[in-house]
Amino acid sequence: MYLAYIDGSGRPEKNCEPKGSYVLASLVIHESQWTYIDNKVKEIKLRYFPRVGVEDFELHAKDMLNRTGVFKGLTWDEIYAIFNDIFNFLIHEETKICGSCHKVF
């Protein structure tokens, strides 16, 4: 079985005219990879936020770049280090993720 995570990003206009920009992205993994990926994400969270529950926040780029939530007060070097760990995890040979991104309008 394969698991898919689908998410949208952007600001579609209320009247559905294509004035805004909206992207629909998906990640697909085989069920055998689920535990590996979940553990790696938890590992990154614990490395930077050992006193915050791993289920209490998500690694959202928007929050990281706006330095809100758990990312408030972090230096840019710390933010970039988190991004670096995420990217290194995603490109690691053991991480088997299929991704797709489509601009809707």
Protein backbone atom coordinates (compact mmCIF):
# COMPACT_ATOMS: atom_id res chain seq x y z
CA MET A 1 0.00 0.00 0.00
CA TYR A 2 1.12 3.56 -0.67
CA LEU A 3 0.40 6.56 1.52
CA ALA A 4 -0.10 10.04 0.07
CA TYR A 5 0.10 13.44 1.69
CA ILE A 6 -1.51 16.18 -0.39
CA ASP A 7 -1.36 19.85 0.53
CA GLY A 8 -2.06 23.18 -1.08
CA SER A 9 -0.11 26.38 -0.72
CA GLY A 10 -0.84 29.92 -1.81
CA ARG A 11 -3.67 32.39 -1.80
CA PRO A 12 -6.50 31.63 -4.19
CA GLU A 13 -8.86 34.52 -4.75
CA LYS A 14 -12.33 34.27 -3.19
CA ASN A 15 -14.07 34.53 -6.56
CA CYS A 16 -11.82 31.78 -7.99
CA GLU A 17 -10.27 34.02 -10.61
CA PRO A 18 -6.63 33.12 -11.28
CA LYS A 19 -5.27 36.37 -9.82
CA GLY A 20 -3.52 34.60 -6.99
CA SER A 21 -1.01 31.81 -7.14
CA TYR A 22 -1.85 28.37 -5.82
CA VAL A 23 0.21 25.19 -5.84
CA LEU A 24 -0.94 21.67 -5.08
CA ALA A 25 1.80 19.29 -3.94
CA SER A 26 1.86 15.63 -3.03
CA LEU A 27 4.27 13.21 -1.41
CA VAL A 28 3.80 9.48 -1.85
CA ILE A 29 5.59 6.81 0.17
CA HIS A 30 5.33 3.06 0.45
CA GLU A 31 3.91 1.97 3.80
CA SER A 32 7.23 0.28 4.62
CA GLN A 33 8.87 3.74 4.71
CA TRP A 34 6.35 5.35 7.05
CA THR A 35 8.08 4.50 10.35
CA TYR A 36 11.52 5.44 8.99
CA ILE A 37 10.30 8.84 7.79
CA ASP A 38 8.31 9.53 10.96
CA ASN A 39 11.34 8.71 13.13
CA LYS A 40 13.64 10.96 11.07
CA VAL A 41 11.24 13.90 11.36
CA LYS A 42 10.97 13.33 15.12
CA GLU A 43 14.77 13.18 15.31
CA ILE A 44 15.07 16.60 13.66
CA LYS A 45 12.41 18.06 15.96
CA LEU A 46 14.11 16.69 19.09
CA ARG A 47 17.52 17.97 17.98
CA TYR A 48 16.31 21.59 17.98
CA PHE A 49 13.39 21.47 20.42
CA PRO A 50 14.16 18.86 23.09
CA ARG A 51 11.71 20.42 25.55
CA VAL A 52 8.75 20.56 23.15
CA GLY A 53 6.63 17.52 22.38
CA VAL A 54 7.27 16.26 18.85
CA GLU A 55 3.49 16.05 18.27
CA ASP A 56 2.96 19.66 19.38
CA PHE A 57 4.28 21.37 16.23
CA GLU A 58 5.08 20.83 12.56
CA LEU A 59 8.08 21.83 10.49
CA HIS A 60 6.40 24.44 8.29
CA ALA A 61 8.67 26.60 6.14
CA LYS A 62 6.29 29.55 6.53
CA ASP A 63 6.56 29.41 10.33
CA MET A 64 10.33 28.99 10.12
CA LEU A 65 10.81 31.93 7.77
CA ASN A 66 8.40 34.15 9.73
CA ARG A 67 9.96 32.92 12.98
CA THR A 68 6.62 32.23 14.63
CA GLY A 69 5.52 29.56 17.10
CA VAL A 70 8.37 27.36 18.31
CA PHE A 71 10.69 29.07 15.82
CA LYS A 72 10.25 32.48 17.48
CA GLY A 73 13.55 33.70 18.88
CA LEU A 74 15.74 31.39 16.80
CA THR A 75 18.63 32.94 14.93
CA TRP A 76 18.79 32.72 11.14
CA ASP A 77 21.72 30.32 11.52
CA GLU A 78 19.49 28.02 13.57
CA ILE A 79 16.66 28.27 11.04
CA TYR A 80 19.05 27.48 8.17
CA ALA A 81 20.45 24.53 10.14
CA ILE A 82 16.94 23.08 10.48
CA PHE A 83 16.33 23.51 6.75
CA ASN A 84 19.69 21.88 6.06
CA ASP A 85 18.80 18.86 8.19
CA ILE A 86 15.43 18.53 6.45
CA PHE A 87 16.98 18.72 2.97
CA ASN A 88 19.73 16.26 3.89
CA PHE A 89 17.12 13.82 5.16
CA LEU A 90 15.05 14.19 1.96
CA ILE A 91 18.01 13.52 -0.36
CA HIS A 92 19.40 10.63 1.69
CA GLU A 93 19.50 7.35 -0.28
CA GLU A 94 17.36 5.56 2.33
CA THR A 95 14.57 8.14 2.06
CA LYS A 96 12.24 6.94 -0.65
CA ILE A 97 9.67 9.64 -1.36
CA CYS A 98 7.93 10.41 -4.61
CA GLY A 99 6.88 14.04 -4.93
CA SER A 100 4.85 16.08 -7.35
CA CYS A 101 3.99 19.76 -7.54
CA HIS A 102 1.49 21.44 -9.84
CA LYS A 103 0.58 25.09 -10.21
CA VAL A 104 -3.22 25.23 -10.18
CA PHE A 105 -3.42 28.88 -11.25
